[in-house]
């Protein structure tokens, strides 16, 4: 089985007067040093769970970015 994982999280506030810009995102990519080894954050916790699930079941894992704005 092949598994592709990524995350995109946002905080939504209808009363905010500012638009979300690309520079507002925190982004981690699989090519980043120690990707997957960093402390868990709200937007990366699901990736850690899926990593473990894939490892436990012998699945091939393809991981994309994790981003939050």
N, C-alpha and C. Protein backbone atom coordinates (compact mmCIF):
# COMPACT_ATOMS: atom_id res chain seq x y z
N UNK A 1 0.85 -1.18 0.00
CA UNK A 1 0.00 0.00 0.00
C UNK A 1 0.89 1.23 0.00
N UNK A 2 0.52 2.22 -0.78
CA UNK A 2 1.21 3.51 -0.81
C UNK A 2 0.35 4.54 -0.11
N UNK A 3 0.98 5.37 0.69
CA UNK A 3 0.26 6.39 1.44
C UNK A 3 0.93 7.74 1.22
N UNK A 4 0.15 8.74 0.81
CA UNK A 4 0.62 10.11 0.63
C UNK A 4 0.01 10.94 1.74
N UNK A 5 0.84 11.71 2.46
CA UNK A 5 0.32 12.54 3.54
C UNK A 5 0.84 13.98 3.42
N UNK A 6 0.01 14.92 3.86
CA UNK A 6 0.35 16.34 3.92
C UNK A 6 -0.64 16.99 4.87
N UNK A 7 -0.33 18.17 5.35
CA UNK A 7 -1.29 18.90 6.17
C UNK A 7 -1.33 20.37 5.74
N UNK A 8 -2.49 20.95 5.93
CA UNK A 8 -2.68 22.39 5.73
C UNK A 8 -3.66 22.84 6.80
N UNK A 9 -3.20 23.66 7.70
CA UNK A 9 -4.05 24.16 8.77
C UNK A 9 -4.20 25.66 8.67
N UNK A 10 -5.36 26.13 9.07
CA UNK A 10 -5.60 27.57 9.08
C UNK A 10 -6.35 27.95 10.35
N UNK A 11 -6.17 29.17 10.76
CA UNK A 11 -6.96 29.73 11.83
C UNK A 11 -7.87 30.77 11.18
N UNK A 12 -9.15 30.59 11.35
CA UNK A 12 -10.11 31.46 10.66
C UNK A 12 -10.73 32.44 11.65
N UNK A 13 -10.77 33.70 11.24
CA UNK A 13 -11.37 34.74 12.05
C UNK A 13 -12.09 35.69 11.10
N UNK A 14 -13.39 35.67 11.11
CA UNK A 14 -14.16 36.50 10.18
C UNK A 14 -14.09 37.98 10.53
N UNK A 15 -13.58 38.32 11.71
CA UNK A 15 -13.50 39.71 12.12
C UNK A 15 -12.13 40.33 11.83
N UNK A 16 -11.18 39.53 11.36
CA UNK A 16 -9.85 40.05 11.08
C UNK A 16 -9.90 40.97 9.86
N UNK A 17 -9.24 42.09 9.96
CA UNK A 17 -9.25 43.04 8.84
C UNK A 17 -8.09 42.80 7.88
N UNK A 18 -7.15 41.93 8.25
CA UNK A 18 -5.99 41.67 7.40
C UNK A 18 -6.19 40.38 6.62
N UNK A 19 -5.67 40.36 5.41
CA UNK A 19 -5.68 39.15 4.60
C UNK A 19 -4.46 38.30 4.95
N UNK A 20 -4.61 36.99 4.84
CA UNK A 20 -3.49 36.08 5.06
C UNK A 20 -2.58 36.11 3.84
N UNK A 21 -1.31 36.39 4.08
CA UNK A 21 -0.32 36.44 3.02
C UNK A 21 0.51 35.16 3.03
N UNK A 22 1.18 34.86 1.95
CA UNK A 22 2.03 33.69 1.88
C UNK A 22 3.08 33.71 2.99
N UNK A 23 3.57 34.89 3.32
CA UNK A 23 4.59 35.01 4.36
C UNK A 23 4.06 34.68 5.76
N UNK A 24 2.75 34.60 5.92
CA UNK A 24 2.14 34.26 7.20
C UNK A 24 2.15 32.76 7.48
N UNK A 25 2.47 31.94 6.47
CA UNK A 25 2.46 30.49 6.64
C UNK A 25 3.76 29.99 7.25
N UNK A 26 3.64 29.03 8.15
CA UNK A 26 4.78 28.23 8.61
C UNK A 26 4.76 27.01 7.73
N UNK A 27 5.86 26.72 7.07
CA UNK A 27 5.91 25.59 6.14
C UNK A 27 7.11 24.71 6.46
N UNK A 28 6.87 23.41 6.52
CA UNK A 28 7.93 22.43 6.64
C UNK A 28 7.80 21.49 5.46
N UNK A 29 8.92 21.20 4.83
CA UNK A 29 8.93 20.31 3.67
C UNK A 29 9.73 19.06 4.02
N UNK A 30 9.43 17.94 3.35
CA UNK A 30 10.20 16.72 3.63
C UNK A 30 11.69 16.89 3.42
N UNK A 31 12.11 17.82 2.56
CA UNK A 31 13.53 18.03 2.32
C UNK A 31 14.19 18.83 3.44
N UNK A 32 13.37 19.45 4.33
CA UNK A 32 13.93 20.19 5.46
C UNK A 32 14.70 19.23 6.36
N UNK A 33 15.83 19.71 6.88
CA UNK A 33 16.62 18.89 7.78
C UNK A 33 15.77 18.48 8.98
N UNK A 34 15.81 17.21 9.30
CA UNK A 34 15.11 16.65 10.45
C UNK A 34 13.59 16.76 10.35
N UNK A 35 13.05 16.82 9.14
CA UNK A 35 11.60 16.84 8.99
C UNK A 35 11.06 15.56 9.62
N UNK A 36 10.06 15.67 10.41
CA UNK A 36 9.51 14.51 11.10
C UNK A 36 10.20 14.22 12.43
N UNK A 37 11.29 14.91 12.70
CA UNK A 37 12.01 14.72 13.96
C UNK A 37 11.78 15.90 14.91
N UNK A 38 11.16 16.93 14.40
CA UNK A 38 10.93 18.13 15.21
C UNK A 38 9.81 17.87 16.21
N UNK A 39 9.73 18.69 17.26
CA UNK A 39 8.62 18.55 18.21
C UNK A 39 7.29 18.70 17.48
N UNK A 40 6.31 17.94 17.92
CA UNK A 40 4.99 18.00 17.28
C UNK A 40 4.34 19.35 17.51
N UNK A 41 3.67 19.81 16.49
CA UNK A 41 2.86 21.03 16.56
C UNK A 41 1.45 20.63 16.18
N UNK A 42 0.53 21.51 16.40
CA UNK A 42 -0.86 21.21 16.07
C UNK A 42 -1.01 20.76 14.63
N UNK A 43 -0.29 21.37 13.72
CA UNK A 43 -0.45 21.05 12.30
C UNK A 43 0.43 19.90 11.84
N UNK A 44 1.29 19.36 12.70
CA UNK A 44 2.12 18.21 12.29
C UNK A 44 1.80 16.93 13.05
N UNK A 45 0.95 17.02 14.05
CA UNK A 45 0.65 15.84 14.86
C UNK A 45 0.03 14.71 14.03
N UNK A 46 -0.87 15.05 13.13
CA UNK A 46 -1.50 14.02 12.30
C UNK A 46 -0.46 13.30 11.43
N UNK A 47 0.56 14.02 10.96
CA UNK A 47 1.61 13.39 10.17
C UNK A 47 2.35 12.33 10.99
N UNK A 48 2.63 12.62 12.24
CA UNK A 48 3.32 11.66 13.10
C UNK A 48 2.49 10.40 13.29
N UNK A 49 1.19 10.56 13.44
CA UNK A 49 0.30 9.41 13.61
C UNK A 49 0.30 8.56 12.35
N UNK A 50 0.20 9.19 11.20
CA UNK A 50 0.19 8.45 9.93
C UNK A 50 1.54 7.82 9.64
N UNK A 51 2.65 8.49 10.02
CA UNK A 51 3.98 7.89 9.85
C UNK A 51 4.07 6.57 10.61
N UNK A 52 3.61 6.60 11.86
CA UNK A 52 3.66 5.40 12.70
C UNK A 52 2.75 4.31 12.13
N UNK A 53 1.56 4.68 11.69
CA UNK A 53 0.61 3.72 11.12
C UNK A 53 1.20 3.05 9.88
N UNK A 54 1.84 3.84 9.02
CA UNK A 54 2.45 3.28 7.82
C UNK A 54 3.59 2.34 8.19
N UNK A 55 4.41 2.73 9.16
CA UNK A 55 5.52 1.88 9.59
C UNK A 55 5.01 0.57 10.18
N UNK A 56 3.97 0.64 10.99
CA UNK A 56 3.41 -0.56 11.62
C UNK A 56 2.83 -1.53 10.61
N UNK A 57 2.36 -1.01 9.48
CA UNK A 57 1.71 -1.85 8.48
C UNK A 57 2.56 -2.13 7.25
N UNK A 58 3.81 -1.65 7.26
CA UNK A 58 4.72 -1.90 6.15
C UNK A 58 4.35 -1.17 4.87
N UNK A 59 3.67 -0.03 5.00
CA UNK A 59 3.26 0.74 3.84
C UNK A 59 4.40 1.65 3.37
N UNK A 60 4.39 1.98 2.09
CA UNK A 60 5.32 2.93 1.51
C UNK A 60 4.75 4.33 1.75
N UNK A 61 5.53 5.18 2.35
CA UNK A 61 5.05 6.52 2.73
C UNK A 61 5.69 7.59 1.85
N UNK A 62 4.86 8.44 1.28
CA UNK A 62 5.31 9.62 0.56
C UNK A 62 4.75 10.82 1.31
N UNK A 63 5.65 11.68 1.77
CA UNK A 63 5.23 12.80 2.60
C UNK A 63 5.47 14.12 1.89
N UNK A 64 4.48 15.00 1.95
CA UNK A 64 4.58 16.32 1.37
C UNK A 64 4.71 17.34 2.49
N UNK A 65 4.41 18.57 2.21
CA UNK A 65 4.62 19.63 3.19
C UNK A 65 3.57 19.65 4.29
N UNK A 66 3.94 20.33 5.35
CA UNK A 66 3.04 20.63 6.45
C UNK A 66 3.03 22.15 6.56
N UNK A 67 1.85 22.76 6.52
CA UNK A 67 1.77 24.22 6.53
C UNK A 67 0.63 24.68 7.44
N UNK A 68 0.81 25.84 8.03
CA UNK A 68 -0.20 26.44 8.89
C UNK A 68 -0.14 27.95 8.75
N UNK A 69 -1.30 28.56 8.70
CA UNK A 69 -1.37 30.02 8.64
C UNK A 69 -2.31 30.52 9.70
